[in-house]
Structures are given as structure tokens and as C-alpha cells.
């Protein structure tokens, strides 16, 4: 998996709440918003190629770490986009 994210195709998506979603994901997952200058760490992208909010560069993590991030991100999404 290279990235995981949310946009208008997801249930309960709210364009108005995407900034809050990105902020909460960043705080809870300790992942920076915006592409860092150095490679190999995940980052949160807003309104990129797929629109919405995405966690990019998951490729470099272990499958267990990816699963943990995706599970927690989905929980955060359901809280913010209720």
C-alpha cells in the first residue's frame, strides 16, 4: 500500500471538515502535513492528485505499522466526519 485517504467517495465525507481531519490525523498519528524535504517518511497531503486528505509514503513502513496507521486513521475519520 502506498497511500490511504479520504475524499468525496467516502461515506459522510465533508469538504468543510477536511482541514480538521488533516489536523487530527497529524496530531494523533504524529505525521506531518505537507511533503517533507526528506524521503521515506509518511506525510499528510490535502487536495492532491486524488483530492481530499491522504496519508502518503506508506510504502516504506512494515505491514504491521501500515495496518495500525490505517485502523487509527479510519477511527479518526469516523469521529471527525460523523
PDB file of N, CA and C in Angstrom:
ATOM      1  N   UNK A   1       0.842  -1.173   0.000  1.00  0.00           N
ATOM      2  CA  UNK A   1       0.000   0.000   0.000  1.00  0.00           C
ATOM      3  C   UNK A   1       0.891   1.240   0.000  1.00  0.00           C
ATOM      4  N   UNK A   2       0.629   2.133  -0.916  1.00  0.00           N
ATOM      5  CA  UNK A   2       1.447   3.341  -1.000  1.00  0.00           C
ATOM      6  C   UNK A   2       0.812   4.532  -0.288  1.00  0.00           C
ATOM      7  N   UNK A   3      -0.526   4.555  -0.230  1.00  0.00           N
ATOM      8  CA  UNK A   3      -1.190   5.652   0.460  1.00  0.00           C
ATOM      9  C   UNK A   3      -2.582   5.219   0.900  1.00  0.00           C
ATOM     10  N   UNK A   4      -3.166   6.004   1.785  1.00  0.00           N
ATOM     11  CA  UNK A   4      -4.511   5.731   2.294  1.00  0.00           C
ATOM     12  C   UNK A   4      -5.174   7.076   2.512  1.00  0.00           C
ATOM     13  N   UNK A   5      -6.422   7.217   2.051  1.00  0.00           N
ATOM     14  CA  UNK A   5      -7.030   8.517   2.225  1.00  0.00           C
ATOM     15  C   UNK A   5      -8.531   8.534   2.090  1.00  0.00           C
ATOM     16  N   UNK A   6      -9.035   9.751   2.120  1.00  0.00           N
ATOM     17  CA  UNK A   6     -10.469  10.007   2.167  1.00  0.00           C
ATOM     18  C   UNK A   6     -10.800  11.164   1.236  1.00  0.00           C
ATOM     19  N   UNK A   7     -11.929  11.023   0.534  1.00  0.00           N
ATOM     20  CA  UNK A   7     -12.417  12.104  -0.332  1.00  0.00           C
ATOM     21  C   UNK A   7     -13.920  11.937  -0.522  1.00  0.00           C
ATOM     22  N   UNK A   8     -14.468  12.582  -1.528  1.00  0.00           N
ATOM     23  CA  UNK A   8     -15.901  12.558  -1.766  1.00  0.00           C
ATOM     24  C   UNK A   8     -16.489  11.181  -2.012  1.00  0.00           C
ATOM     25  N   UNK A   9     -15.663  10.195  -2.260  1.00  0.00           N
ATOM     26  CA  UNK A   9     -16.140   8.825  -2.472  1.00  0.00           C
ATOM     27  C   UNK A   9     -16.400   8.090  -1.156  1.00  0.00           C
ATOM     28  N   UNK A  10     -15.942   8.660  -0.049  1.00  0.00           N
ATOM     29  CA  UNK A  10     -16.121   8.022   1.254  1.00  0.00           C
ATOM     30  C   UNK A  10     -17.428   8.468   1.900  1.00  0.00           C
ATOM     31  N   UNK A  11     -18.043   7.552   2.623  1.00  0.00           N
ATOM     32  CA  UNK A  11     -19.280   7.831   3.344  1.00  0.00           C
ATOM     33  C   UNK A  11     -19.055   8.972   4.335  1.00  0.00           C
ATOM     34  N   UNK A  12     -20.011   9.861   4.411  1.00  0.00           N
ATOM     35  CA  UNK A  12     -20.012  11.004   5.341  1.00  0.00           C
ATOM     36  C   UNK A  12     -18.936  12.048   5.059  1.00  0.00           C
ATOM     37  N   UNK A  13     -18.307  12.015   3.873  1.00  0.00           N
ATOM     38  CA  UNK A  13     -17.271  12.994   3.555  1.00  0.00           C
ATOM     39  C   UNK A  13     -17.842  14.402   3.621  1.00  0.00           C
ATOM     40  N   UNK A  14     -17.107  15.301   4.223  1.00  0.00           N
ATOM     41  CA  UNK A  14     -17.481  16.716   4.283  1.00  0.00           C
ATOM     42  C   UNK A  14     -16.277  17.550   3.876  1.00  0.00           C
ATOM     43  N   UNK A  15     -16.417  18.246   2.770  1.00  0.00           N
ATOM     44  CA  UNK A  15     -15.345  19.115   2.288  1.00  0.00           C
ATOM     45  C   UNK A  15     -14.989  20.163   3.347  1.00  0.00           C
ATOM     46  N   UNK A  16     -15.999  20.614   4.083  1.00  0.00           N
ATOM     47  CA  UNK A  16     -15.786  21.634   5.111  1.00  0.00           C
ATOM     48  C   UNK A  16     -14.926  21.130   6.275  1.00  0.00           C
ATOM     49  N   UNK A  17     -14.905  19.820   6.486  1.00  0.00           N
ATOM     50  CA  UNK A  17     -14.161  19.261   7.622  1.00  0.00           C
ATOM     51  C   UNK A  17     -12.799  18.674   7.255  1.00  0.00           C
ATOM     52  N   UNK A  18     -12.393  18.796   5.994  1.00  0.00           N
ATOM     53  CA  UNK A  18     -11.133  18.152   5.607  1.00  0.00           C
ATOM     54  C   UNK A  18      -9.919  18.761   6.300  1.00  0.00           C
ATOM     55  N   UNK A  19      -9.929  20.047   6.570  1.00  0.00           N
ATOM     56  CA  UNK A  19      -8.817  20.672   7.299  1.00  0.00           C
ATOM     57  C   UNK A  19      -8.709  20.137   8.716  1.00  0.00           C
ATOM     58  N   UNK A  20      -9.855  19.996   9.364  1.00  0.00           N
ATOM     59  CA  UNK A  20      -9.874  19.430  10.718  1.00  0.00           C
ATOM     60  C   UNK A  20      -9.407  17.976  10.689  1.00  0.00           C
ATOM     61  N   UNK A  21      -9.836  17.221   9.669  1.00  0.00           N
ATOM     62  CA  UNK A  21      -9.412  15.833   9.541  1.00  0.00           C
ATOM     63  C   UNK A  21      -7.894  15.751   9.408  1.00  0.00           C
ATOM     64  N   UNK A  22      -7.325  16.544   8.520  1.00  0.00           N
ATOM     65  CA  UNK A  22      -5.869  16.538   8.329  1.00  0.00           C
ATOM     66  C   UNK A  22      -5.151  16.887   9.629  1.00  0.00           C
ATOM     67  N   UNK A  23      -5.658  17.889  10.325  1.00  0.00           N
ATOM     68  CA  UNK A  23      -5.059  18.319  11.595  1.00  0.00           C
ATOM     69  C   UNK A  23      -5.098  17.196  12.631  1.00  0.00           C
ATOM     70  N   UNK A  24      -6.257  16.573  12.789  1.00  0.00           N
ATOM     71  CA  UNK A  24      -6.400  15.495  13.773  1.00  0.00           C
ATOM     72  C   UNK A  24      -5.528  14.287  13.415  1.00  0.00           C
ATOM     73  N   UNK A  25      -5.480  13.941  12.127  1.00  0.00           N
ATOM     74  CA  UNK A  25      -4.612  12.843  11.702  1.00  0.00           C
ATOM     75  C   UNK A  25      -3.155  13.150  12.034  1.00  0.00           C
ATOM     76  N   UNK A  26      -2.747  14.381  11.772  1.00  0.00           N
ATOM     77  CA  UNK A  26      -1.366  14.785  12.031  1.00  0.00           C
ATOM     78  C   UNK A  26      -1.025  14.681  13.513  1.00  0.00           C
ATOM     79  N   UNK A  27      -1.910  15.165  14.352  1.00  0.00           N
ATOM     80  CA  UNK A  27      -1.669  15.140  15.800  1.00  0.00           C
ATOM     81  C   UNK A  27      -1.682  13.706  16.335  1.00  0.00           C
ATOM     82  N   UNK A  28      -2.723  12.974  16.009  1.00  0.00           N
ATOM     83  CA  UNK A  28      -2.896  11.625  16.559  1.00  0.00           C
ATOM     84  C   UNK A  28      -1.862  10.627  16.037  1.00  0.00           C
ATOM     85  N   UNK A  29      -1.532  10.733  14.752  1.00  0.00           N
ATOM     86  CA  UNK A  29      -0.610   9.773  14.150  1.00  0.00           C
ATOM     87  C   UNK A  29       0.838  10.255  14.136  1.00  0.00           C
ATOM     88  N   UNK A  30       1.026  11.514  14.527  1.00  0.00           N
ATOM     89  CA  UNK A  30       2.366  12.129  14.531  1.00  0.00           C
ATOM     90  C   UNK A  30       3.002  12.081  13.137  1.00  0.00           C
ATOM     91  N   UNK A  31       2.185  12.472  12.161  1.00  0.00           N
ATOM     92  CA  UNK A  31       2.616  12.515  10.760  1.00  0.00           C
ATOM     93  C   UNK A  31       2.477  13.963  10.290  1.00  0.00           C
ATOM     94  N   UNK A  32       3.507  14.545   9.675  1.00  0.00           N
ATOM     95  CA  UNK A  32       3.433  15.949   9.261  1.00  0.00           C
ATOM     96  C   UNK A  32       2.456  16.175   8.104  1.00  0.00           C
ATOM     97  N   UNK A  33       1.900  17.371   8.071  1.00  0.00           N
ATOM     98  CA  UNK A  33       1.073  17.795   6.936  1.00  0.00           C
ATOM     99  C   UNK A  33       2.006  18.430   5.923  1.00  0.00           C
ATOM    100  N   UNK A  34       1.924  18.000   4.688  1.00  0.00           N
ATOM    101  CA  UNK A  34       2.783  18.526   3.639  1.00  0.00           C
ATOM    102  C   UNK A  34       4.011  17.667   3.436  1.00  0.00           C
ATOM    103  N   UNK A  35       4.466  17.635   2.202  1.00  0.00           N
ATOM    104  CA  UNK A  35       5.598  16.795   1.822  1.00  0.00           C
ATOM    105  C   UNK A  35       6.887  17.322   2.447  1.00  0.00           C
ATOM    106  N   UNK A  36       7.542  16.485   3.256  1.00  0.00           N
ATOM    107  CA  UNK A  36       8.805  16.926   3.871  1.00  0.00           C
ATOM    108  C   UNK A  36       9.944  16.930   2.850  1.00  0.00           C
ATOM    109  N   UNK A  37      11.005  17.612   3.174  1.00  0.00           N
ATOM    110  CA  UNK A  37      12.166  17.695   2.290  1.00  0.00           C
ATOM    111  C   UNK A  37      12.931  16.380   2.200  1.00  0.00           C
ATOM    112  N   UNK A  38      12.762  15.523   3.167  1.00  0.00           N
ATOM    113  CA  UNK A  38      13.468  14.250   3.179  1.00  0.00           C
ATOM    114  C   UNK A  38      12.491  13.120   2.852  1.00  0.00           C
ATOM    115  N   UNK A  39      12.998  12.063   2.301  1.00  0.00           N
ATOM    116  CA  UNK A  39      12.161  10.962   1.830  1.00  0.00           C
ATOM    117  C   UNK A  39      11.963   9.902   2.917  1.00  0.00           C
ATOM    118  N   UNK A  40      11.142   8.942   2.590  1.00  0.00           N
ATOM    119  CA  UNK A  40      10.942   7.723   3.369  1.00  0.00           C
ATOM    120  C   UNK A  40      10.126   7.875   4.641  1.00  0.00           C
ATOM    121  N   UNK A  41       9.470   9.005   4.860  1.00  0.00           N
ATOM    122  CA  UNK A  41       8.556   9.087   5.993  1.00  0.00           C
ATOM    123  C   UNK A  41       7.179   9.466   5.468  1.00  0.00           C
ATOM    124  N   UNK A  42       6.137   8.963   6.101  1.00  0.00           N
ATOM    125  CA  UNK A  42       4.776   9.319   5.668  1.00  0.00           C
ATOM    126  C   UNK A  42       4.498  10.804   5.889  1.00  0.00           C
ATOM    127  N   UNK A  43       3.565  11.319   5.110  1.00  0.00           N
ATOM    128  CA  UNK A  43       3.097  12.689   5.300  1.00  0.00           C
ATOM    129  C   UNK A  43       1.637  12.775   4.885  1.00  0.00           C
ATOM    130  N   UNK A  44       0.962  13.818   5.326  1.00  0.00           N
ATOM    131  CA  UNK A  44      -0.449  14.021   5.004  1.00  0.00           C
ATOM    132  C   UNK A  44      -0.551  15.048   3.889  1.00  0.00           C
ATOM    133  N   UNK A  45      -1.290  14.677   2.857  1.00  0.00           N
ATOM    134  CA  UNK A  45      -1.492  15.535   1.687  1.00  0.00           C
ATOM    135  C   UNK A  45      -2.952  15.982   1.651  1.00  0.00           C
ATOM    136  N   UNK A  46      -3.159  17.250   1.384  1.00  0.00           N
ATOM    137  CA  UNK A  46      -4.511  17.800   1.253  1.00  0.00           C
ATOM    138  C   UNK A  46      -4.710  18.242  -0.188  1.00  0.00           C
ATOM    139  N   UNK A  47      -5.809  17.789  -0.801  1.00  0.00           N
ATOM    140  CA  UNK A  47      -6.179  18.146  -2.183  1.00  0.00           C
ATOM    141  C   UNK A  47      -5.084  17.842  -3.196  1.00  0.00           C
ATOM    142  N   UNK A  48      -4.492  16.684  -3.070  1.00  0.00           N
ATOM    143  CA  UNK A  48      -3.501  16.242  -4.046  1.00  0.00           C
ATOM    144  C   UNK A  48      -4.178  15.633  -5.263  1.00  0.00           C
ATOM    145  N   UNK A  49      -3.503  14.715  -5.882  1.00  0.00           N
ATOM    146  CA  UNK A  49      -3.956  14.070  -7.109  1.00  0.00           C
ATOM    147  C   UNK A  49      -5.366  13.464  -6.999  1.00  0.00           C
ATOM    148  N   UNK A  50      -5.681  12.882  -5.850  1.00  0.00           N
ATOM    149  CA  UNK A  50      -6.979  12.227  -5.662  1.00  0.00           C
ATOM    150  C   UNK A  50      -7.979  13.104  -4.915  1.00  0.00           C
ATOM    151  N   UNK A  51      -7.598  14.317  -4.576  1.00  0.00           N
ATOM    152  CA  UNK A  51      -8.470  15.191  -3.803  1.00  0.00           C
ATOM    153  C   UNK A  51      -8.561  14.725  -2.360  1.00  0.00           C
ATOM    154  N   UNK A  52      -9.201  15.491  -1.533  1.00  0.00           N
ATOM    155  CA  UNK A  52      -9.408  15.114  -0.144  1.00  0.00           C
ATOM    156  C   UNK A  52      -8.135  15.118   0.684  1.00  0.00           C
ATOM    157  N   UNK A  53      -8.047  14.156   1.597  1.00  0.00           N
ATOM    158  CA  UNK A  53      -6.930  14.047   2.532  1.00  0.00           C
ATOM    159  C   UNK A  53      -6.342  12.646   2.408  1.00  0.00           C
ATOM    160  N   UNK A  54      -5.036  12.552   2.206  1.00  0.00           N
ATOM    161  CA  UNK A  54      -4.380  11.248   2.053  1.00  0.00           C
ATOM    162  C   UNK A  54      -3.127  11.176   2.915  1.00  0.00           C
ATOM    163  N   UNK A  55      -2.839   9.989   3.401  1.00  0.00           N
ATOM    164  CA  UNK A  55      -1.577   9.713   4.072  1.00  0.00           C
ATOM    165  C   UNK A  55      -0.697   9.057   3.021  1.00  0.00           C
ATOM    166  N   UNK A  56       0.370   9.720   2.647  1.00  0.00           N
ATOM    167  CA  UNK A  56       1.254   9.251   1.571  1.00  0.00           C
ATOM    168  C   UNK A  56       2.507   8.598   2.136  1.00  0.00           C
ATOM    169  N   UNK A  57       3.235   7.898   1.260  1.00  0.00           N
ATOM    170  CA  UNK A  57       4.517   7.237   1.562  1.00  0.00           C
ATOM    171  C   UNK A  57       4.406   6.142   2.628  1.00  0.00           C
ATOM    172  N   UNK A  58       3.361   5.369   2.557  1.00  0.00           N
ATOM    173  CA  UNK A  58       3.245   4.240   3.480  1.00  0.00           C
ATOM    174  C   UNK A  58       4.112   3.064   3.046  1.00  0.00           C
ATOM    175  N   UNK A  59       4.565   3.091   1.811  1.00  0.00           N
ATOM    176  CA  UNK A  59       5.358   2.009   1.242  1.00  0.00           C
ATOM    177  C   UNK A  59       6.550   1.614   2.100  1.00  0.00           C
ATOM    178  N   UNK A  60       7.146   2.577   2.754  1.00  0.00           N
ATOM    179  CA  UNK A  60       8.389   2.342   3.482  1.00  0.00           C
ATOM    180  C   UNK A  60       8.187   1.784   4.893  1.00  0.00           C
ATOM    181  N   UNK A  61       6.937   1.558   5.281  1.00  0.00           N
ATOM    182  CA  UNK A  61       6.642   1.038   6.611  1.00  0.00           C
ATOM    183  C   UNK A  61       6.396  -0.467   6.561  1.00  0.00           C
ATOM    184  N   UNK A  62       6.467  -1.100   7.705  1.00  0.00           N
ATOM    185  CA  UNK A  62       6.156  -2.531   7.774  1.00  0.00           C
ATOM    186  C   UNK A  62       4.653  -2.724   7.602  1.00  0.00           C
ATOM    187  N   UNK A  63       4.222  -3.892   7.160  1.00  0.00           N
ATOM    188  CA  UNK A  63       2.780  -4.153   7.034  1.00  0.00           C
ATOM    189  C   UNK A  63       2.032  -3.935   8.353  1.00  0.00           C
ATOM    190  N   UNK A  64       2.655  -4.267   9.458  1.00  0.00           N
ATOM    191  CA  UNK A  64       2.031  -4.082  10.766  1.00  0.00           C
ATOM    192  C   UNK A  64       1.844  -2.601  11.082  1.00  0.00           C
ATOM    193  N   UNK A  65       2.839  -1.795  10.775  1.00  0.00           N
ATOM    194  CA  UNK A  65       2.751  -0.351  11.016  1.00  0.00           C
ATOM    195  C   UNK A  65       1.674   0.276  10.130  1.00  0.00           C
ATOM    196  N   UNK A  66       1.602  -0.162   8.883  1.00  0.00           N
ATOM    197  CA  UNK A  66       0.572   0.350   7.970  1.00  0.00           C
ATOM    198  C   UNK A  66      -0.808   0.005   8.499  1.00  0.00           C
ATOM    199  N   UNK A  67      -0.991  -1.231   8.920  1.00  0.00           N
ATOM    200  CA  UNK A  67      -2.291  -1.664   9.445  1.00  0.00           C
ATOM    201  C   UNK A  67      -2.705  -0.822  10.653  1.00  0.00           C
ATOM    202  N   UNK A  68      -1.754  -0.552  11.533  1.00  0.00           N
ATOM    203  CA  UNK A  68      -2.022   0.245  12.729  1.00  0.00           C
ATOM    204  C   UNK A  68      -2.419   1.676  12.352  1.00  0.00           C
ATOM    205  N   UNK A  69      -1.690   2.279  11.424  1.00  0.00           N
ATOM    206  CA  UNK A  69      -1.989   3.646  10.980  1.00  0.00           C
ATOM    207  C   UNK A  69      -3.357   3.717  10.309  1.00  0.00           C
ATOM    208  N   UNK A  70      -3.640   2.783   9.416  1.00  0.00           N
ATOM    209  CA  UNK A  70      -4.912   2.789   8.693  1.00  0.00           C
ATOM    210  C   UNK A  70      -6.084   2.604   9.650  1.00  0.00           C
ATOM    211  N   UNK A  71      -5.941   1.691  10.584  1.00  0.00           N
ATOM    212  CA  UNK A  71      -7.012   1.448  11.557  1.00  0.00           C
ATOM    213  C   UNK A  71      -7.289   2.701  12.381  1.00  0.00           C
ATOM    214  N   UNK A  72      -6.244   3.336  12.884  1.00  0.00           N
ATOM    215  CA  UNK A  72      -6.423   4.549  13.699  1.00  0.00           C
ATOM    216  C   UNK A  72      -6.946   5.705  12.844  1.00  0.00           C
ATOM    217  N   UNK A  73      -6.452   5.827  11.619  1.00  0.00           N
ATOM    218  CA  UNK A  73      -6.922   6.886  10.722  1.00  0.00           C
ATOM    219  C   UNK A  73      -8.411   6.724  10.433  1.00  0.00           C
ATOM    220  N   UNK A  74      -8.859   5.502  10.231  1.00  0.00           N
ATOM    221  CA  UNK A  74     -10.283   5.257   9.991  1.00  0.00           C
ATOM    222  C   UNK A  74     -11.125   5.637  11.202  1.00  0.00           C
ATOM    223  N   UNK A  75     -10.599   5.388  12.398  1.00  0.00           N
ATOM    224  CA  UNK A  75     -11.305   5.791  13.621  1.00  0.00           C
ATOM    225  C   UNK A  75     -11.411   7.310  13.701  1.00  0.00           C
ATOM    226  N   UNK A  76     -10.325   7.990  13.394  1.00  0.00           N
ATOM    227  CA  UNK A  76     -10.312   9.452  13.424  1.00  0.00           C
ATOM    228  C   UNK A  76     -11.282  10.000  12.383  1.00  0.00           C
ATOM    229  N   UNK A  77     -11.281   9.412  11.195  1.00  0.00           N
ATOM    230  CA  UNK A  77     -12.210   9.843  10.145  1.00  0.00           C
ATOM    231  C   UNK A  77     -13.656   9.737  10.625  1.00  0.00           C
ATOM    232  N   UNK A  78     -13.998   8.623  11.244  1.00  0.00           N
ATOM    233  CA  UNK A  78     -15.384   8.436  11.674  1.00  0.00           C
ATOM    234  C   UNK A  78     -15.789   9.431  12.763  1.00  0.00           C
ATOM    235  N   UNK A  79     -14.848   9.859  13.573  1.00  0.00           N
ATOM    236  CA  UNK A  79     -15.148  10.864  14.606  1.00  0.00           C
ATOM    237  C   UNK A  79     -15.313  12.247  13.989  1.00  0.00           C
ATOM    238  N   UNK A  80     -14.378  12.638  13.136  1.00  0.00           N
ATOM    239  CA  UNK A  80     -14.403  13.980  12.551  1.00  0.00           C
ATOM    240  C   UNK A  80     -15.560  14.152  11.562  1.00  0.00           C
ATOM    241  N   UNK A  81     -15.846  13.116  10.785  1.00  0.00           N
ATOM    242  CA  UNK A  81     -16.850  13.225   9.722  1.00  0.00           C
ATOM    243  C   UNK A  81     -18.212  12.655  10.119  1.00  0.00           C
ATOM    244  N   UNK A  82     -18.470  12.514  11.397  1.00  0.00           N
ATOM    245  CA  UNK A  82     -19.738  11.938  11.824  1.00  0.00           C
ATOM    246  C   UNK A  82     -20.860  12.607  11.190  1.00  0.00           C
TER     247      UNK A  82
END
